[in-house]
PDB file of N, CA and C in Angstrom:
ATOM      1  N   MET A   1       0.837  -1.184  -0.024  1.00  0.00           N
ATOM      2  CA  MET A   1      -0.005   0.026  -0.024  1.00  0.00           C
ATOM      3  C   MET A   1       0.899   1.246  -0.011  1.00  0.00           C
ATOM      4  N   ASN A   2       0.476   2.173  -0.804  1.00  0.00           N
ATOM      5  CA  ASN A   2       1.212   3.445  -0.797  1.00  0.00           C
ATOM      6  C   ASN A   2       0.631   4.402   0.149  1.00  0.00           C
ATOM      7  N   ASP A   3       1.254   5.516   0.389  1.00  0.00           N
ATOM      8  CA  ASP A   3       0.823   6.518   1.381  1.00  0.00           C
ATOM      9  C   ASP A   3      -0.497   7.185   0.973  1.00  0.00           C
ATOM     10  N   ASP A   4      -0.689   7.426  -0.372  1.00  0.00           N
ATOM     11  CA  ASP A   4      -1.940   8.020  -0.821  1.00  0.00           C
ATOM     12  C   ASP A   4      -3.119   7.183  -0.553  1.00  0.00           C
ATOM     13  N   SER A   5      -2.994   5.878  -0.725  1.00  0.00           N
ATOM     14  CA  SER A   5      -4.092   4.957  -0.514  1.00  0.00           C
ATOM     15  C   SER A   5      -4.383   4.911   1.041  1.00  0.00           C
ATOM     16  N   THR A   6      -3.402   4.861   1.850  1.00  0.00           N
ATOM     17  CA  THR A   6      -3.561   4.817   3.323  1.00  0.00           C
ATOM     18  C   THR A   6      -4.266   6.121   3.773  1.00  0.00           C
ATOM     19  N   ASP A   7      -3.786   7.251   3.224  1.00  0.00           N
ATOM     20  CA  ASP A   7      -4.439   8.562   3.649  1.00  0.00           C
ATOM     21  C   ASP A   7      -5.860   8.616   3.262  1.00  0.00           C
ATOM     22  N   THR A   8      -6.189   8.120   2.046  1.00  0.00           N
ATOM     23  CA  THR A   8      -7.612   8.110   1.612  1.00  0.00           C
ATOM     24  C   THR A   8      -8.464   7.219   2.532  1.00  0.00           C
ATOM     25  N   GLN A   9      -7.960   6.022   2.847  1.00  0.00           N
ATOM     26  CA  GLN A   9      -8.689   5.161   3.700  1.00  0.00           C
ATOM     27  C   GLN A   9      -8.849   5.734   5.109  1.00  0.00           C
ATOM     28  N   ARG A  10      -7.821   6.364   5.633  1.00  0.00           N
ATOM     29  CA  ARG A  10      -7.836   7.009   6.943  1.00  0.00           C
ATOM     30  C   ARG A  10      -8.924   8.104   6.957  1.00  0.00           C
ATOM     31  N   ARG A  11      -8.926   8.947   5.909  1.00  0.00           N
ATOM     32  CA  ARG A  11      -9.855  10.015   5.802  1.00  0.00           C
ATOM     33  C   ARG A  11     -11.292   9.542   5.699  1.00  0.00           C
ATOM     34  N   ASP A  12     -11.520   8.449   4.936  1.00  0.00           N
ATOM     35  CA  ASP A  12     -12.845   7.893   4.840  1.00  0.00           C
ATOM     36  C   ASP A  12     -13.310   7.295   6.167  1.00  0.00           C
ATOM     37  N   PHE A  13     -12.390   6.629   6.832  1.00  0.00           N
ATOM     38  CA  PHE A  13     -12.705   6.104   8.142  1.00  0.00           C
ATOM     39  C   PHE A  13     -13.049   7.127   9.172  1.00  0.00           C
ATOM     40  N   LEU A  14     -12.324   8.216   9.182  1.00  0.00           N
ATOM     41  CA  LEU A  14     -12.590   9.321  10.109  1.00  0.00           C
ATOM     42  C   LEU A  14     -13.897  10.058   9.774  1.00  0.00           C
ATOM     43  N   ALA A  15     -14.191  10.151   8.498  1.00  0.00           N
ATOM     44  CA  ALA A  15     -15.480  10.778   8.098  1.00  0.00           C
ATOM     45  C   ALA A  15     -16.644   9.902   8.496  1.00  0.00           C
ATOM     46  N   GLN A  16     -16.552   8.612   8.322  1.00  0.00           N
ATOM     47  CA  GLN A  16     -17.631   7.671   8.765  1.00  0.00           C
ATOM     48  C   GLN A  16     -17.782   7.765  10.257  1.00  0.00           C
ATOM     49  N   GLY A  17     -16.675   7.804  11.009  1.00  0.00           N
ATOM     50  CA  GLY A  17     -16.757   7.872  12.465  1.00  0.00           C
ATOM     51  C   GLY A  17     -17.401   9.144  12.911  1.00  0.00           C
ATOM     52  N   ALA A  18     -17.064  10.228  12.210  1.00  0.00           N
ATOM     53  CA  ALA A  18     -17.683  11.546  12.576  1.00  0.00           C
ATOM     54  C   ALA A  18     -19.207  11.571  12.303  1.00  0.00           C
ATOM     55  N   ALA A  19     -19.591  10.969  11.211  1.00  0.00           N
ATOM     56  CA  ALA A  19     -20.998  10.882  10.850  1.00  0.00           C
ATOM     57  C   ALA A  19     -21.779  10.095  11.907  1.00  0.00           C
ATOM     58  N   LEU A  20     -21.193   8.938  12.276  1.00  0.00           N
ATOM     59  CA  LEU A  20     -21.876   8.078  13.289  1.00  0.00           C
ATOM     60  C   LEU A  20     -21.940   8.774  14.608  1.00  0.00           C
ATOM     61  N   THR A  21     -20.909   9.548  15.002  1.00  0.00           N
ATOM     62  CA  THR A  21     -20.883  10.268  16.277  1.00  0.00           C
ATOM     63  C   THR A  21     -22.036  11.294  16.257  1.00  0.00           C
ATOM     64  N   LEU A  22     -22.139  12.088  15.099  1.00  0.00           N
ATOM     65  CA  LEU A  22     -23.195  13.090  15.044  1.00  0.00           C
ATOM     66  C   LEU A  22     -24.614  12.471  15.082  1.00  0.00           C
ATOM     67  N   LEU A  23     -24.755  11.363  14.419  1.00  0.00           N
ATOM     68  CA  LEU A  23     -25.996  10.665  14.497  1.00  0.00           C
ATOM     69  C   LEU A  23     -26.336  10.159  15.895  1.00  0.00           C
ATOM     70  N   ALA A  24     -25.385   9.632  16.656  1.00  0.00           N
ATOM     71  CA  ALA A  24     -25.593   9.201  17.947  1.00  0.00           C
ATOM     72  C   ALA A  24     -25.976  10.317  18.858  1.00  0.00           C
ATOM     73  N   LEU A  25     -25.349  11.495  18.684  1.00  0.00           N
ATOM     74  CA  LEU A  25     -25.635  12.687  19.533  1.00  0.00           C
ATOM     75  C   LEU A  25     -27.004  13.297  19.156  1.00  0.00           C
ATOM     76  N   ALA A  26     -27.410  13.211  17.923  1.00  0.00           N
ATOM     77  CA  ALA A  26     -28.614  13.840  17.472  1.00  0.00           C
ATOM     78  C   ALA A  26     -29.861  12.986  17.758  1.00  0.00           C
ATOM     79  N   THR A  27     -29.720  11.674  17.872  1.00  0.00           N
ATOM     80  CA  THR A  27     -30.853  10.763  18.012  1.00  0.00           C
ATOM     81  C   THR A  27     -31.726  11.079  19.224  1.00  0.00           C
ATOM     82  N   PRO A  28     -31.120  11.282  20.479  1.00  0.00           N
ATOM     83  CA  PRO A  28     -31.972  11.605  21.587  1.00  0.00           C
ATOM     84  C   PRO A  28     -32.714  12.884  21.426  1.00  0.00           C
ATOM     85  N   ALA A  29     -32.116  13.916  20.824  1.00  0.00           N
ATOM     86  CA  ALA A  29     -32.762  15.162  20.616  1.00  0.00           C
ATOM     87  C   ALA A  29     -33.966  15.057  19.679  1.00  0.00           C
ATOM     88  N   LEU A  30     -33.753  14.243  18.623  1.00  0.00           N
ATOM     89  CA  LEU A  30     -34.817  14.046  17.639  1.00  0.00           C
ATOM     90  C   LEU A  30     -35.954  13.280  18.254  1.00  0.00           C
ATOM     91  N   ALA A  31     -35.618  12.302  19.120  1.00  0.00           N
ATOM     92  CA  ALA A  31     -36.732  11.522  19.674  1.00  0.00           C
ATOM     93  C   ALA A  31     -37.607  12.331  20.624  1.00  0.00           C
ATOM     94  N   GLN A  32     -37.019  13.371  21.189  1.00  0.00           N
ATOM     95  CA  GLN A  32     -37.817  14.235  22.123  1.00  0.00           C
ATOM     96  C   GLN A  32     -38.454  15.407  21.449  1.00  0.00           C
ATOM     97  N   SER A  33     -38.139  15.639  20.234  1.00  0.00           N
ATOM     98  CA  SER A  33     -38.631  16.793  19.504  1.00  0.00           C
ATOM     99  C   SER A  33     -40.133  16.677  19.272  1.00  0.00           C
ATOM    100  N   PRO A  34     -40.924  17.768  19.489  1.00  0.00           N
ATOM    101  CA  PRO A  34     -42.351  17.701  19.260  1.00  0.00           C
ATOM    102  C   PRO A  34     -42.753  17.358  17.821  1.00  0.00           C
ATOM    103  N   ALA A  35     -41.878  17.724  16.895  1.00  0.00           N
ATOM    104  CA  ALA A  35     -42.133  17.438  15.473  1.00  0.00           C
ATOM    105  C   ALA A  35     -42.015  15.978  15.216  1.00  0.00           C
ATOM    106  N   MET A  36     -41.254  15.245  15.890  1.00  0.00           N
ATOM    107  CA  MET A  36     -41.023  13.814  15.663  1.00  0.00           C
ATOM    108  C   MET A  36     -42.037  12.946  16.410  1.00  0.00           C
ATOM    109  N   GLU A  37     -42.797  13.562  17.381  1.00  0.00           N
ATOM    110  CA  GLU A  37     -43.798  12.766  18.083  1.00  0.00           C
ATOM    111  C   GLU A  37     -44.903  12.370  17.190  1.00  0.00           C
ATOM    112  N   SER A  38     -45.584  11.311  17.519  1.00  0.00           N
ATOM    113  CA  SER A  38     -46.654  10.781  16.759  1.00  0.00           C
ATOM    114  C   SER A  38     -47.811  11.833  16.807  1.00  0.00           C
ATOM    115  N   LYS A  39     -48.284  12.213  15.648  1.00  0.00           N
ATOM    116  CA  LYS A  39     -49.367  13.176  15.604  1.00  0.00           C
ATOM    117  C   LYS A  39     -50.705  12.503  15.884  1.00  0.00           C
ATOM    118  N   LYS A  40     -51.405  13.069  16.796  1.00  0.00           N
ATOM    119  CA  LYS A  40     -52.728  12.572  17.135  1.00  0.00           C
ATOM    120  C   LYS A  40     -53.694  13.706  16.898  1.00  0.00           C
ATOM    121  N   MET A  41     -54.564  13.517  15.911  1.00  0.00           N
ATOM    122  CA  MET A  41     -55.541  14.557  15.593  1.00  0.00           C
ATOM    123  C   MET A  41     -56.652  14.614  16.625  1.00  0.00           C
ATOM    124  N   SER A  42     -57.112  15.798  16.860  1.00  0.00           N
ATOM    125  CA  SER A  42     -58.201  15.951  17.804  1.00  0.00           C
ATOM    126  C   SER A  42     -59.512  15.455  17.118  1.00  0.00           C
ATOM    127  N   ASP A  43     -60.492  15.172  17.873  1.00  0.00           N
ATOM    128  CA  ASP A  43     -61.789  14.684  17.378  1.00  0.00           C
ATOM    129  C   ASP A  43     -62.401  15.683  16.438  1.00  0.00           C
ATOM    130  N   THR A  44     -62.247  16.987  16.754  1.00  0.00           N
ATOM    131  CA  THR A  44     -62.811  18.065  15.883  1.00  0.00           C
ATOM    132  C   THR A  44     -62.165  18.092  14.525  1.00  0.00           C
ATOM    133  N   VAL A  45     -60.837  17.942  14.478  1.00  0.00           N
ATOM    134  CA  VAL A  45     -60.145  17.948  13.209  1.00  0.00           C
ATOM    135  C   VAL A  45     -60.521  16.701  12.409  1.00  0.00           C
ATOM    136  N   GLN A  46     -60.597  15.588  13.091  1.00  0.00           N
ATOM    137  CA  GLN A  46     -60.938  14.292  12.412  1.00  0.00           C
ATOM    138  C   GLN A  46     -62.340  14.424  11.784  1.00  0.00           C
ATOM    139  N   ALA A  47     -63.261  15.049  12.511  1.00  0.00           N
ATOM    140  CA  ALA A  47     -64.618  15.194  12.022  1.00  0.00           C
ATOM    141  C   ALA A  47     -64.651  16.139  10.825  1.00  0.00           C
ATOM    142  N   ALA A  48     -63.881  17.224  10.838  1.00  0.00           N
ATOM    143  CA  ALA A  48     -63.807  18.120   9.728  1.00  0.00           C
ATOM    144  C   ALA A  48     -63.191  17.496   8.468  1.00  0.00           C
ATOM    145  N   PHE A  49     -62.141  16.706   8.692  1.00  0.00           N
ATOM    146  CA  PHE A  49     -61.535  15.955   7.568  1.00  0.00           C
ATOM    147  C   PHE A  49     -62.532  14.943   6.971  1.00  0.00           C
ATOM    148  N   LYS A  50     -63.218  14.213   7.911  1.00  0.00           N
ATOM    149  CA  LYS A  50     -64.148  13.150   7.452  1.00  0.00           C
ATOM    150  C   LYS A  50     -65.277  13.863   6.630  1.00  0.00           C
ATOM    151  N   GLU A  51     -65.787  15.008   7.097  1.00  0.00           N
ATOM    152  CA  GLU A  51     -66.867  15.683   6.400  1.00  0.00           C
ATOM    153  C   GLU A  51     -66.401  16.104   4.966  1.00  0.00           C
ATOM    154  N   MET A  52     -65.202  16.630   4.823  1.00  0.00           N
ATOM    155  CA  MET A  52     -64.787  17.073   3.530  1.00  0.00           C
ATOM    156  C   MET A  52     -64.501  15.820   2.608  1.00  0.00           C
ATOM    157  N   ILE A  53     -63.937  14.802   3.183  1.00  0.00           N
ATOM    158  CA  ILE A  53     -63.650  13.602   2.356  1.00  0.00           C
ATOM    159  C   ILE A  53     -64.957  12.959   1.947  1.00  0.00           C
ATOM    160  N   ASP A  54     -65.943  12.808   2.838  1.00  0.00           N
ATOM    161  CA  ASP A  54     -67.245  12.266   2.435  1.00  0.00           C
ATOM    162  C   ASP A  54     -67.931  13.151   1.348  1.00  0.00           C
ATOM    163  N   TRP A  55     -67.777  14.454   1.434  1.00  0.00           N
ATOM    164  CA  TRP A  55     -68.320  15.341   0.423  1.00  0.00           C
ATOM    165  C   TRP A  55     -67.665  15.059  -0.951  1.00  0.00           C
ATOM    166  N   SER A  56     -66.298  14.942  -0.978  1.00  0.00           N
ATOM    167  CA  SER A  56     -65.594  14.617  -2.185  1.00  0.00           C
ATOM    168  C   SER A  56     -66.050  13.261  -2.786  1.00  0.00           C
ATOM    169  N   LEU A  57     -66.277  12.309  -1.917  1.00  0.00           N
ATOM    170  CA  LEU A  57     -66.666  10.951  -2.342  1.00  0.00           C
ATOM    171  C   LEU A  57     -68.092  11.011  -2.940  1.00  0.00           C
ATOM    172  N   LYS A  58     -68.967  11.723  -2.270  1.00  0.00           N
ATOM    173  CA  LYS A  58     -70.384  11.795  -2.748  1.00  0.00           C
ATOM    174  C   LYS A  58     -70.539  12.630  -3.995  1.00  0.00           C
ATOM    175  N   GLU A  59     -69.832  13.773  -4.045  1.00  0.00           N
ATOM    176  CA  GLU A  59     -70.073  14.758  -5.163  1.00  0.00           C
ATOM    177  C   GLU A  59     -69.106  14.516  -6.331  1.00  0.00           C
ATOM    178  N   LYS A  60     -68.188  13.561  -6.183  1.00  0.00           N
ATOM    179  CA  LYS A  60     -67.222  13.245  -7.180  1.00  0.00           C
ATOM    180  C   LYS A  60     -66.434  14.478  -7.589  1.00  0.00           C
ATOM    181  N   ARG A  61     -66.014  15.201  -6.545  1.00  0.00           N
ATOM    182  CA  ARG A  61     -65.257  16.473  -6.744  1.00  0.00           C
ATOM    183  C   ARG A  61     -63.921  16.332  -6.035  1.00  0.00           C
ATOM    184  N   GLY A  62     -62.930  17.042  -6.506  1.00  0.00           N
ATOM    185  CA  GLY A  62     -61.617  16.939  -5.978  1.00  0.00           C
ATOM    186  C   GLY A  62     -61.340  17.759  -4.787  1.00  0.00           C
ATOM    187  N   LEU A  63     -60.311  17.429  -4.019  1.00  0.00           N
ATOM    188  CA  LEU A  63     -59.825  18.155  -2.894  1.00  0.00           C
ATOM    189  C   LEU A  63     -58.323  18.359  -3.045  1.00  0.00           C
ATOM    190  N   THR A  64     -57.815  19.375  -2.358  1.00  0.00           N
ATOM    191  CA  THR A  64     -56.399  19.577  -2.251  1.00  0.00           C
ATOM    192  C   THR A  64     -55.963  19.242  -0.852  1.00  0.00           C
ATOM    193  N   PHE A  65     -54.989  18.352  -0.744  1.00  0.00           N
ATOM    194  CA  PHE A  65     -54.502  17.900   0.549  1.00  0.00           C
ATOM    195  C   PHE A  65     -53.083  18.538   0.696  1.00  0.00           C
ATOM    196  N   TYR A  66     -52.849  19.038   1.954  1.00  0.00           N
ATOM    197  CA  TYR A  66     -51.553  19.628   2.230  1.00  0.00           C
ATOM    198  C   TYR A  66     -50.855  18.661   3.177  1.00  0.00           C
ATOM    199  N   VAL A  67     -49.697  18.154   2.605  1.00  0.00           N
ATOM    200  CA  VAL A  67     -48.947  17.104   3.328  1.00  0.00           C
ATOM    201  C   VAL A  67     -47.480  17.536   3.389  1.00  0.00           C
ATOM    202  N   ASN A  68     -47.030  17.829   4.644  1.00  0.00           N
ATOM    203  CA  ASN A  68     -45.626  18.144   4.863  1.00  0.00           C
ATOM    204  C   ASN A  68     -45.114  19.262   3.962  1.00  0.00           C
ATOM    205  N   GLY A  69     -45.883  20.289   3.731  1.00  0.00           N
ATOM    206  CA  GLY A  69     -45.460  21.427   2.892  1.00  0.00           C
ATOM    207  C   GLY A  69     -45.675  21.232   1.415  1.00  0.00           C
ATOM    208  N   GLN A  70     -46.230  20.140   1.026  1.00  0.00           N
ATOM    209  CA  GLN A  70     -46.502  19.801  -0.397  1.00  0.00           C
ATOM    210  C   GLN A  70     -48.046  19.805  -0.564  1.00  0.00           C
ATOM    211  N   THR A  71     -48.455  20.012  -1.814  1.00  0.00           N
ATOM    212  CA  THR A  71     -49.861  19.895  -2.092  1.00  0.00           C
ATOM    213  C   THR A  71     -50.135  18.666  -2.963  1.00  0.00           C
ATOM    214  N   LEU A  72     -51.264  18.033  -2.761  1.00  0.00           N
ATOM    215  CA  LEU A  72     -51.623  16.858  -3.518  1.00  0.00           C
ATOM    216  C   LEU A  72     -53.136  16.955  -3.825  1.00  0.00           C
ATOM    217  N   GLY A  73     -53.479  16.982  -5.093  1.00  0.00           N
ATOM    218  CA  GLY A  73     -54.902  17.126  -5.472  1.00  0.00           C
ATOM    219  C   GLY A  73     -55.406  15.840  -6.015  1.00  0.00           C
ATOM    220  N   GLY A  74     -56.687  15.596  -5.790  1.00  0.00           N
ATOM    221  CA  GLY A  74     -57.372  14.417  -6.284  1.00  0.00           C
ATOM    222  C   GLY A  74     -58.705  14.251  -5.705  1.00  0.00           C
ATOM    223  N   GLY A  75     -59.510  13.388  -6.435  1.00  0.00           N
ATOM    224  CA  GLY A  75     -60.850  13.111  -5.908  1.00  0.00           C
ATOM    225  C   GLY A  75     -60.817  11.793  -5.117  1.00  0.00           C
ATOM    226  N   VAL A  76     -61.597  11.776  -4.043  1.00  0.00           N
ATOM    227  CA  VAL A  76     -61.603  10.615  -3.164  1.00  0.00           C
ATOM    228  C   VAL A  76     -62.446   9.522  -3.868  1.00  0.00           C
ATOM    229  N   VAL A  77     -61.809   8.330  -3.945  1.00  0.00           N
ATOM    230  CA  VAL A  77     -62.464   7.155  -4.562  1.00  0.00           C
ATOM    231  C   VAL A  77     -63.106   6.255  -3.489  1.00  0.00           C
ATOM    232  N   ARG A  78     -62.389   6.082  -2.331  1.00  0.00           N
ATOM    233  CA  ARG A  78     -62.901   5.264  -1.307  1.00  0.00           C
ATOM    234  C   ARG A  78     -62.097   5.452  -0.032  1.00  0.00           C
ATOM    235  N   TRP A  79     -62.736   5.082   1.070  1.00  0.00           N
ATOM    236  CA  TRP A  79     -62.050   5.066   2.396  1.00  0.00           C
ATOM    237  C   TRP A  79     -61.253   3.782   2.511  1.00  0.00           C
ATOM    238  N   ILE A  80     -60.113   3.784   3.120  1.00  0.00           N
ATOM    239  CA  ILE A  80     -59.369   2.585   3.465  1.00  0.00           C
ATOM    240  C   ILE A  80     -59.328   2.517   4.973  1.00  0.00           C
ATOM    241  N   GLY A  81     -60.273   1.816   5.608  1.00  0.00           N
ATOM    242  CA  GLY A  81     -60.393   1.847   7.070  1.00  0.00           C
ATOM    243  C   GLY A  81     -60.684   3.282   7.516  1.00  0.00           C
ATOM    244  N   ASN A  82     -60.221   3.629   8.702  1.00  0.00           N
ATOM    245  CA  ASN A  82     -60.387   4.995   9.152  1.00  0.00           C
ATOM    246  C   ASN A  82     -58.987   5.789   9.057  1.00  0.00           C
ATOM    247  N   GLU A  83     -58.035   5.080   8.523  1.00  0.00           N
ATOM    248  CA  GLU A  83     -56.664   5.649   8.561  1.00  0.00           C
ATOM    249  C   GLU A  83     -56.210   6.272   7.278  1.00  0.00           C
ATOM    250  N   ALA A  84     -56.859   5.891   6.140  1.00  0.00           N
ATOM    251  CA  ALA A  84     -56.376   6.351   4.792  1.00  0.00           C
ATOM    252  C   ALA A  84     -57.569   6.483   3.837  1.00  0.00           C
ATOM    253  N   VAL A  85     -57.233   7.163   2.752  1.00  0.00           N
ATOM    254  CA  VAL A  85     -58.218   7.256   1.634  1.00  0.00           C
ATOM    255  C   VAL A  85     -57.465   6.972   0.372  1.00  0.00           C
ATOM    256  N   GLU A  86     -58.221   6.540  -0.649  1.00  0.00           N
ATOM    257  CA  GLU A  86     -57.689   6.361  -1.971  1.00  0.00           C
ATOM    258  C   GLU A  86     -58.163   7.474  -2.826  1.00  0.00           C
ATOM    259  N   LEU A  87     -57.256   8.103  -3.498  1.00  0.00           N
ATOM    260  CA  LEU A  87     -57.510   9.243  -4.357  1.00  0.00           C
ATOM    261  C   LEU A  87     -57.217   8.853  -5.807  1.00  0.00           C
ATOM    262  N   LYS A  88     -57.792   9.664  -6.719  1.00  0.00           N
ATOM    263  CA  LYS A  88     -57.516   9.509  -8.157  1.00  0.00           C
ATOM    264  C   LYS A  88     -57.331  10.915  -8.733  1.00  0.00           C
ATOM    265  N   SER A  89     -56.339  11.062  -9.580  1.00  0.00           N
ATOM    266  CA  SER A  89     -56.073  12.403 -10.166  1.00  0.00           C
ATOM    267  C   SER A  89     -55.847  12.241 -11.687  1.00  0.00           C
ATOM    268  N   GLN A  90     -55.678  13.315 -12.358  1.00  0.00           N
ATOM    269  CA  GLN A  90     -55.331  13.239 -13.768  1.00  0.00           C
ATOM    270  C   GLN A  90     -53.987  12.699 -14.014  1.00  0.00           C
ATOM    271  N   GLN A  91     -53.084  12.933 -13.042  1.00  0.00           N
ATOM    272  CA  GLN A  91     -51.743  12.397 -13.161  1.00  0.00           C
ATOM    273  C   GLN A  91     -51.579  10.945 -12.715  1.00  0.00           C
ATOM    274  N   PHE A  92     -52.267  10.573 -11.629  1.00  0.00           N
ATOM    275  CA  PHE A  92     -52.124   9.225 -11.061  1.00  0.00           C
ATOM    276  C   PHE A  92     -53.472   8.533 -11.002  1.00  0.00           C
ATOM    277  N   SER A  93     -53.562   7.269 -11.360  1.00  0.00           N
ATOM    278  CA  SER A  93     -54.776   6.542 -11.325  1.00  0.00           C
ATOM    279  C   SER A  93     -55.126   6.073  -9.931  1.00  0.00           C
ATOM    280  N   LYS A  94     -54.088   5.938  -9.062  1.00  0.00           N
ATOM    281  CA  LYS A  94     -54.369   5.440  -7.664  1.00  0.00           C
ATOM    282  C   LYS A  94     -53.334   6.130  -6.756  1.00  0.00           C
ATOM    283  N   ILE A  95     -53.859   6.791  -5.661  1.00  0.00           N
ATOM    284  CA  ILE A  95     -53.006   7.400  -4.608  1.00  0.00           C
ATOM    285  C   ILE A  95     -53.588   6.953  -3.315  1.00  0.00           C
ATOM    286  N   VAL A  96     -52.773   6.466  -2.454  1.00  0.00           N
ATOM    287  CA  VAL A  96     -53.204   6.112  -1.072  1.00  0.00           C
ATOM    288  C   VAL A  96     -52.567   7.102  -0.114  1.00  0.00           C
ATOM    289  N   LEU A  97     -53.432   7.755   0.613  1.00  0.00           N
ATOM    290  CA  LEU A  97     -52.989   8.857   1.484  1.00  0.00           C
ATOM    291  C   LEU A  97     -53.383   8.522   2.933  1.00  0.00           C
ATOM    292  N   ARG A  98     -52.331   8.484   3.755  1.00  0.00           N
ATOM    293  CA  ARG A  98     -52.576   8.273   5.219  1.00  0.00           C
ATOM    294  C   ARG A  98     -53.064   9.584   5.819  1.00  0.00           C
ATOM    295  N   LEU A  99     -54.167   9.586   6.544  1.00  0.00           N
ATOM    296  CA  LEU A  99     -54.718  10.755   7.002  1.00  0.00           C
ATOM    297  C   LEU A  99     -53.903  11.382   8.204  1.00  0.00           C
ATOM    298  N   ASP A 100     -53.119  10.546   8.887  1.00  0.00           N
ATOM    299  CA  ASP A 100     -52.342  11.149   9.965  1.00  0.00           C
ATOM    300  C   ASP A 100     -51.157  11.946   9.457  1.00  0.00           C
ATOM    301  N   ARG A 101     -50.904  11.970   8.160  1.00  0.00           N
ATOM    302  CA  ARG A 101     -49.838  12.723   7.539  1.00  0.00           C
ATOM    303  C   ARG A 101     -50.405  14.042   6.963  1.00  0.00           C
ATOM    304  N   VAL A 102     -51.716  14.207   6.923  1.00  0.00           N
ATOM    305  CA  VAL A 102     -52.311  15.398   6.297  1.00  0.00           C
ATOM    306  C   VAL A 102     -52.302  16.524   7.288  1.00  0.00           C
ATOM    307  N   ASP A 103     -51.804  17.696   6.784  1.00  0.00           N
ATOM    308  CA  ASP A 103     -51.795  18.909   7.610  1.00  0.00           C
ATOM    309  C   ASP A 103     -53.085  19.742   7.397  1.00  0.00           C
ATOM    310  N   GLY A 104     -53.655  19.621   6.217  1.00  0.00           N
ATOM    311  CA  GLY A 104     -54.877  20.343   5.948  1.00  0.00           C
ATOM    312  C   GLY A 104     -55.531  19.887   4.626  1.00  0.00           C
ATOM    313  N   ILE A 105     -56.763  20.336   4.421  1.00  0.00           N
ATOM    314  CA  ILE A 105     -57.511  19.962   3.219  1.00  0.00           C
ATOM    315  C   ILE A 105     -58.240  21.229   2.741  1.00  0.00           C
ATOM    316  N   ALA A 106     -58.266  21.423   1.418  1.00  0.00           N
ATOM    317  CA  ALA A 106     -58.965  22.546   0.791  1.00  0.00           C
ATOM    318  C   ALA A 106     -59.980  22.025  -0.151  1.00  0.00           C
ATOM    319  N   GLN A 107     -61.128  22.694  -0.241  1.00  0.00           N
ATOM    320  CA  GLN A 107     -62.182  22.314  -1.132  1.00  0.00           C
ATOM    321  C   GLN A 107     -62.165  23.135  -2.357  1.00  0.00           C
TER     322      GLN A 107
END
């Protein structure tokens, strides 16, 4: 082995060690962060979401869902239990959306 190869391996090893150390230090902070906690919707919000989703299903009209800063549009095709809905849009024939990930819905 030449010195260049050894230096490269040493540098890679130290970089991996540093990344693992940062991950180990950040994990407890992330676990306690309110953003990382499981979202539990209030009964009022669940009722409002259900009302809008049922309207879309009955009227065959689309809704806009706001999910983690992104928008997703589509018409509700069916409920999947109480946890998710199946949507259909011009772009996608089938979209499954977990309701606990939804930040908001627009009509």
